[in-house]
Amino acid sequence: MTTYTEVMIAREMEQNTTQATIAVRAILQRAGYTEESFRAEFENYAKSPETFRAILDSARLRARTMADSLHRVADSLQRVADSVNIKRDSSAR
């Protein structure tokens, strides 16, 4: 269910639904799935509710952890960029 985790992260990170859909399609293609084959595998897992729940819980936890890490990195990069811009602006005077 690594692919599902990646799909969840893409949906979490991309606020534009069109861009999120494009990202999800790219993830599925890279993993060798079509939307239909991914959905079929997902539904097959769902036939065993306890196993399916465990897989989803694990995927959600991994996705949340990875998304949180990505947000922290993005915030850090933004602070560095802001710092560089502030220094550049003050040196132009």
N, C-alpha and C. Protein backbone atom coordinates (compact mmCIF):
# COMPACT_ATOMS: atom_id res chain seq x y z
N MET A 1 0.81 -1.20 0.00
CA MET A 1 0.00 0.00 0.00
C MET A 1 0.86 1.26 0.00
N THR A 2 2.11 1.12 -0.38
CA THR A 2 2.98 2.29 -0.50
C THR A 2 2.38 3.28 -1.50
N THR A 3 1.82 2.76 -2.56
CA THR A 3 1.21 3.63 -3.56
C THR A 3 0.06 4.43 -2.95
N TYR A 4 -0.74 3.77 -2.13
CA TYR A 4 -1.85 4.47 -1.46
C TYR A 4 -1.30 5.59 -0.57
N THR A 5 -0.21 5.32 0.12
CA THR A 5 0.41 6.34 0.97
C THR A 5 0.84 7.53 0.13
N GLU A 6 1.46 7.27 -1.00
CA GLU A 6 1.89 8.35 -1.89
C GLU A 6 0.69 9.14 -2.41
N VAL A 7 -0.39 8.44 -2.73
CA VAL A 7 -1.61 9.11 -3.20
C VAL A 7 -2.15 10.03 -2.11
N MET A 8 -2.18 9.53 -0.89
CA MET A 8 -2.67 10.34 0.23
C MET A 8 -1.81 11.59 0.42
N ILE A 9 -0.50 11.43 0.32
CA ILE A 9 0.40 12.58 0.48
C ILE A 9 0.16 13.59 -0.64
N ALA A 10 0.02 13.10 -1.86
CA ALA A 10 -0.23 14.01 -2.99
C ALA A 10 -1.51 14.80 -2.77
N ARG A 11 -2.53 14.13 -2.31
CA ARG A 11 -3.81 14.81 -2.04
C ARG A 11 -3.66 15.82 -0.90
N GLU A 12 -2.87 15.46 0.10
CA GLU A 12 -2.66 16.34 1.25
C GLU A 12 -1.83 17.58 0.88
N MET A 13 -0.82 17.38 0.06
CA MET A 13 0.12 18.46 -0.24
C MET A 13 -0.40 19.42 -1.32
N GLU A 14 -1.25 18.95 -2.19
CA GLU A 14 -1.71 19.77 -3.32
C GLU A 14 -3.12 20.26 -3.07
N GLN A 15 -3.28 21.55 -2.92
CA GLN A 15 -4.61 22.11 -2.65
C GLN A 15 -5.45 22.24 -3.91
N ASN A 16 -4.81 22.38 -5.06
CA ASN A 16 -5.52 22.48 -6.32
C ASN A 16 -5.92 21.07 -6.75
N THR A 17 -7.22 20.82 -6.84
CA THR A 17 -7.68 19.45 -7.12
C THR A 17 -7.23 18.95 -8.50
N THR A 18 -7.15 19.84 -9.45
CA THR A 18 -6.69 19.44 -10.78
C THR A 18 -5.25 18.98 -10.72
N GLN A 19 -4.41 19.75 -10.03
CA GLN A 19 -3.01 19.39 -9.89
C GLN A 19 -2.85 18.11 -9.06
N ALA A 20 -3.70 17.95 -8.04
CA ALA A 20 -3.65 16.73 -7.22
C ALA A 20 -4.00 15.51 -8.06
N THR A 21 -4.99 15.64 -8.92
CA THR A 21 -5.38 14.54 -9.80
C THR A 21 -4.25 14.17 -10.75
N ILE A 22 -3.58 15.18 -11.29
CA ILE A 22 -2.44 14.93 -12.17
C ILE A 22 -1.34 14.21 -11.41
N ALA A 23 -1.07 14.65 -10.19
CA ALA A 23 -0.04 14.02 -9.37
C ALA A 23 -0.40 12.57 -9.06
N VAL A 24 -1.65 12.33 -8.72
CA VAL A 24 -2.10 10.96 -8.41
C VAL A 24 -1.96 10.07 -9.63
N ARG A 25 -2.36 10.55 -10.78
CA ARG A 25 -2.22 9.75 -12.00
C ARG A 25 -0.76 9.40 -12.27
N ALA A 26 0.13 10.36 -12.04
CA ALA A 26 1.57 10.10 -12.24
C ALA A 26 2.07 9.05 -11.25
N ILE A 27 1.62 9.12 -10.01
CA ILE A 27 2.01 8.13 -8.99
C ILE A 27 1.54 6.74 -9.42
N LEU A 28 0.28 6.64 -9.84
CA LEU A 28 -0.27 5.36 -10.26
C LEU A 28 0.48 4.80 -11.46
N GLN A 29 0.76 5.65 -12.43
CA GLN A 29 1.48 5.21 -13.63
C GLN A 29 2.87 4.73 -13.26
N ARG A 30 3.57 5.47 -12.41
CA ARG A 30 4.93 5.09 -11.99
C ARG A 30 4.92 3.74 -11.28
N ALA A 31 3.84 3.46 -10.55
CA ALA A 31 3.73 2.19 -9.82
C ALA A 31 3.17 1.06 -10.69
N GLY A 32 2.87 1.38 -11.96
CA GLY A 32 2.38 0.34 -12.87
C GLY A 32 0.88 0.11 -12.82
N TYR A 33 0.15 1.07 -12.27
CA TYR A 33 -1.30 0.94 -12.18
C TYR A 33 -2.00 1.85 -13.19
N THR A 34 -3.20 1.43 -13.58
CA THR A 34 -4.17 2.35 -14.17
C THR A 34 -5.09 2.72 -13.01
N GLU A 35 -5.91 3.74 -13.21
CA GLU A 35 -6.87 4.07 -12.14
C GLU A 35 -7.77 2.87 -11.85
N GLU A 36 -8.15 2.16 -12.91
CA GLU A 36 -9.05 1.02 -12.74
C GLU A 36 -8.37 -0.13 -11.99
N SER A 37 -7.11 -0.42 -12.35
CA SER A 37 -6.43 -1.54 -11.69
C SER A 37 -6.13 -1.21 -10.23
N PHE A 38 -5.82 0.05 -9.94
CA PHE A 38 -5.59 0.45 -8.55
C PHE A 38 -6.89 0.32 -7.76
N ARG A 39 -7.97 0.80 -8.34
CA ARG A 39 -9.27 0.71 -7.66
C ARG A 39 -9.65 -0.74 -7.41
N ALA A 40 -9.40 -1.62 -8.39
CA ALA A 40 -9.73 -3.04 -8.24
C ALA A 40 -8.92 -3.66 -7.11
N GLU A 41 -7.62 -3.33 -7.04
CA GLU A 41 -6.79 -3.87 -5.96
C GLU A 41 -7.25 -3.34 -4.61
N PHE A 42 -7.60 -2.07 -4.57
CA PHE A 42 -8.09 -1.45 -3.35
C PHE A 42 -9.36 -2.15 -2.88
N GLU A 43 -10.28 -2.40 -3.81
CA GLU A 43 -11.52 -3.08 -3.47
C GLU A 43 -11.27 -4.52 -3.04
N ASN A 44 -10.27 -5.16 -3.61
CA ASN A 44 -9.93 -6.52 -3.22
C ASN A 44 -9.45 -6.55 -1.76
N TYR A 45 -8.61 -5.58 -1.39
CA TYR A 45 -8.18 -5.48 0.01
C TYR A 45 -9.37 -5.26 0.94
N ALA A 46 -10.35 -4.49 0.47
CA ALA A 46 -11.51 -4.15 1.29
C ALA A 46 -12.37 -5.37 1.62
N LYS A 47 -12.18 -6.47 0.92
CA LYS A 47 -12.96 -7.68 1.19
C LYS A 47 -12.62 -8.30 2.54
N SER A 48 -11.46 -7.95 3.07
CA SER A 48 -11.07 -8.42 4.40
C SER A 48 -10.97 -7.19 5.31
N PRO A 49 -12.08 -6.80 5.95
CA PRO A 49 -12.14 -5.53 6.68
C PRO A 49 -11.04 -5.32 7.73
N GLU A 50 -10.70 -6.35 8.48
CA GLU A 50 -9.67 -6.17 9.51
C GLU A 50 -8.30 -5.90 8.91
N THR A 51 -7.96 -6.68 7.89
CA THR A 51 -6.68 -6.48 7.21
C THR A 51 -6.66 -5.12 6.52
N PHE A 52 -7.78 -4.80 5.87
CA PHE A 52 -7.89 -3.54 5.15
C PHE A 52 -7.73 -2.36 6.11
N ARG A 53 -8.38 -2.43 7.24
CA ARG A 53 -8.29 -1.36 8.24
C ARG A 53 -6.86 -1.18 8.72
N ALA A 54 -6.18 -2.29 8.95
CA ALA A 54 -4.78 -2.22 9.40
C ALA A 54 -3.89 -1.59 8.32
N ILE A 55 -4.13 -1.96 7.08
CA ILE A 55 -3.35 -1.39 5.97
C ILE A 55 -3.61 0.11 5.87
N LEU A 56 -4.87 0.50 5.93
CA LEU A 56 -5.22 1.92 5.83
C LEU A 56 -4.66 2.72 7.00
N ASP A 57 -4.77 2.17 8.20
CA ASP A 57 -4.24 2.87 9.37
C ASP A 57 -2.74 3.07 9.23
N SER A 58 -2.05 2.06 8.78
CA SER A 58 -0.61 2.15 8.58
C SER A 58 -0.28 3.19 7.50
N ALA A 59 -1.01 3.14 6.40
CA ALA A 59 -0.78 4.09 5.30
C ALA A 59 -1.07 5.51 5.76
N ARG A 60 -2.13 5.70 6.50
CA ARG A 60 -2.47 7.05 6.99
C ARG A 60 -1.40 7.58 7.93
N LEU A 61 -0.92 6.74 8.81
CA LEU A 61 0.13 7.16 9.74
C LEU A 61 1.40 7.54 8.98
N ARG A 62 1.80 6.69 8.03
CA ARG A 62 2.99 7.01 7.23
C ARG A 62 2.79 8.28 6.42
N ALA A 63 1.61 8.44 5.84
CA ALA A 63 1.33 9.63 5.04
C ALA A 63 1.36 10.88 5.91
N ARG A 64 0.75 10.81 7.07
CA ARG A 64 0.73 11.97 7.98
C ARG A 64 2.15 12.33 8.42
N THR A 65 2.93 11.33 8.77
CA THR A 65 4.32 11.56 9.20
C THR A 65 5.13 12.17 8.07
N MET A 66 4.98 11.63 6.86
CA MET A 66 5.74 12.16 5.73
C MET A 66 5.26 13.56 5.35
N ALA A 67 3.96 13.79 5.38
CA ALA A 67 3.43 15.12 5.04
C ALA A 67 3.90 16.14 6.06
N ASP A 68 3.88 15.77 7.34
CA ASP A 68 4.37 16.69 8.38
C ASP A 68 5.83 17.03 8.15
N SER A 69 6.63 16.04 7.80
CA SER A 69 8.04 16.28 7.52
C SER A 69 8.22 17.20 6.32
N LEU A 70 7.44 16.95 5.28
CA LEU A 70 7.52 17.80 4.09
C LEU A 70 7.11 19.23 4.39
N HIS A 71 6.09 19.40 5.22
CA HIS A 71 5.67 20.75 5.61
C HIS A 71 6.77 21.45 6.40
N ARG A 72 7.42 20.72 7.29
CA ARG A 72 8.52 21.32 8.08
C ARG A 72 9.67 21.74 7.17
N VAL A 73 10.01 20.91 6.21
CA VAL A 73 11.08 21.24 5.26
C VAL A 73 10.68 22.46 4.43
N ALA A 74 9.44 22.48 3.94
CA ALA A 74 8.98 23.61 3.15
C ALA A 74 9.01 24.90 3.97
N ASP A 75 8.59 24.82 5.23
CA ASP A 75 8.64 26.00 6.11
C ASP A 75 10.07 26.46 6.32
N SER A 76 10.98 25.53 6.52
CA SER A 76 12.39 25.88 6.71
C SER A 76 12.96 26.53 5.46
N LEU A 77 12.65 25.98 4.31
CA LEU A 77 13.13 26.56 3.06
C LEU A 77 12.56 27.95 2.85
N GLN A 78 11.31 28.14 3.23
CA GLN A 78 10.69 29.46 3.09
C GLN A 78 11.39 30.48 4.00
N ARG A 79 11.73 30.06 5.22
CA ARG A 79 12.44 30.98 6.14
C ARG A 79 13.80 31.35 5.57
N VAL A 80 14.50 30.38 4.99
CA VAL A 80 15.80 30.66 4.38
C VAL A 80 15.62 31.62 3.21
N ALA A 81 14.63 31.37 2.37
CA ALA A 81 14.39 32.25 1.22
C ALA A 81 14.04 33.65 1.69
N ASP A 82 13.21 33.75 2.72
CA ASP A 82 12.85 35.07 3.25
C ASP A 82 14.09 35.78 3.80
N SER A 83 14.94 35.03 4.48
CA SER A 83 16.16 35.60 5.05
C SER A 83 17.08 36.12 3.95
N VAL A 84 17.22 35.35 2.90
CA VAL A 84 18.07 35.77 1.78
C VAL A 84 17.49 37.02 1.13
N ASN A 85 16.18 37.07 0.96
CA ASN A 85 15.55 38.24 0.36
C ASN A 85 15.71 39.47 1.24
N ILE A 86 15.61 39.31 2.55
CA ILE A 86 15.78 40.43 3.46
C ILE A 86 17.22 40.96 3.36
N LYS A 87 18.20 40.04 3.36
CA LYS A 87 19.59 40.46 3.26
C LYS A 87 19.86 41.12 1.91
N ARG A 88 19.28 40.58 0.84
CA ARG A 88 19.47 41.15 -0.49
C ARG A 88 18.86 42.55 -0.55
N ASP A 89 17.66 42.71 0.03
CA ASP A 89 16.99 44.01 0.03
C ASP A 89 17.80 45.04 0.81
N SER A 90 18.34 44.65 1.96
CA SER A 90 19.08 45.62 2.78
C SER A 90 20.44 45.96 2.17
N SER A 91 21.02 45.07 1.41
CA SER A 91 22.32 45.35 0.78
C SER A 91 22.17 46.20 -0.46
N ALA A 92 20.96 46.30 -1.00
CA ALA A 92 20.71 47.11 -2.20
C ALA A 92 20.60 48.58 -1.86
N ARG A 93 20.53 48.89 -0.59
CA ARG A 93 20.35 50.29 -0.18
C ARG A 93 21.61 51.03 -0.17
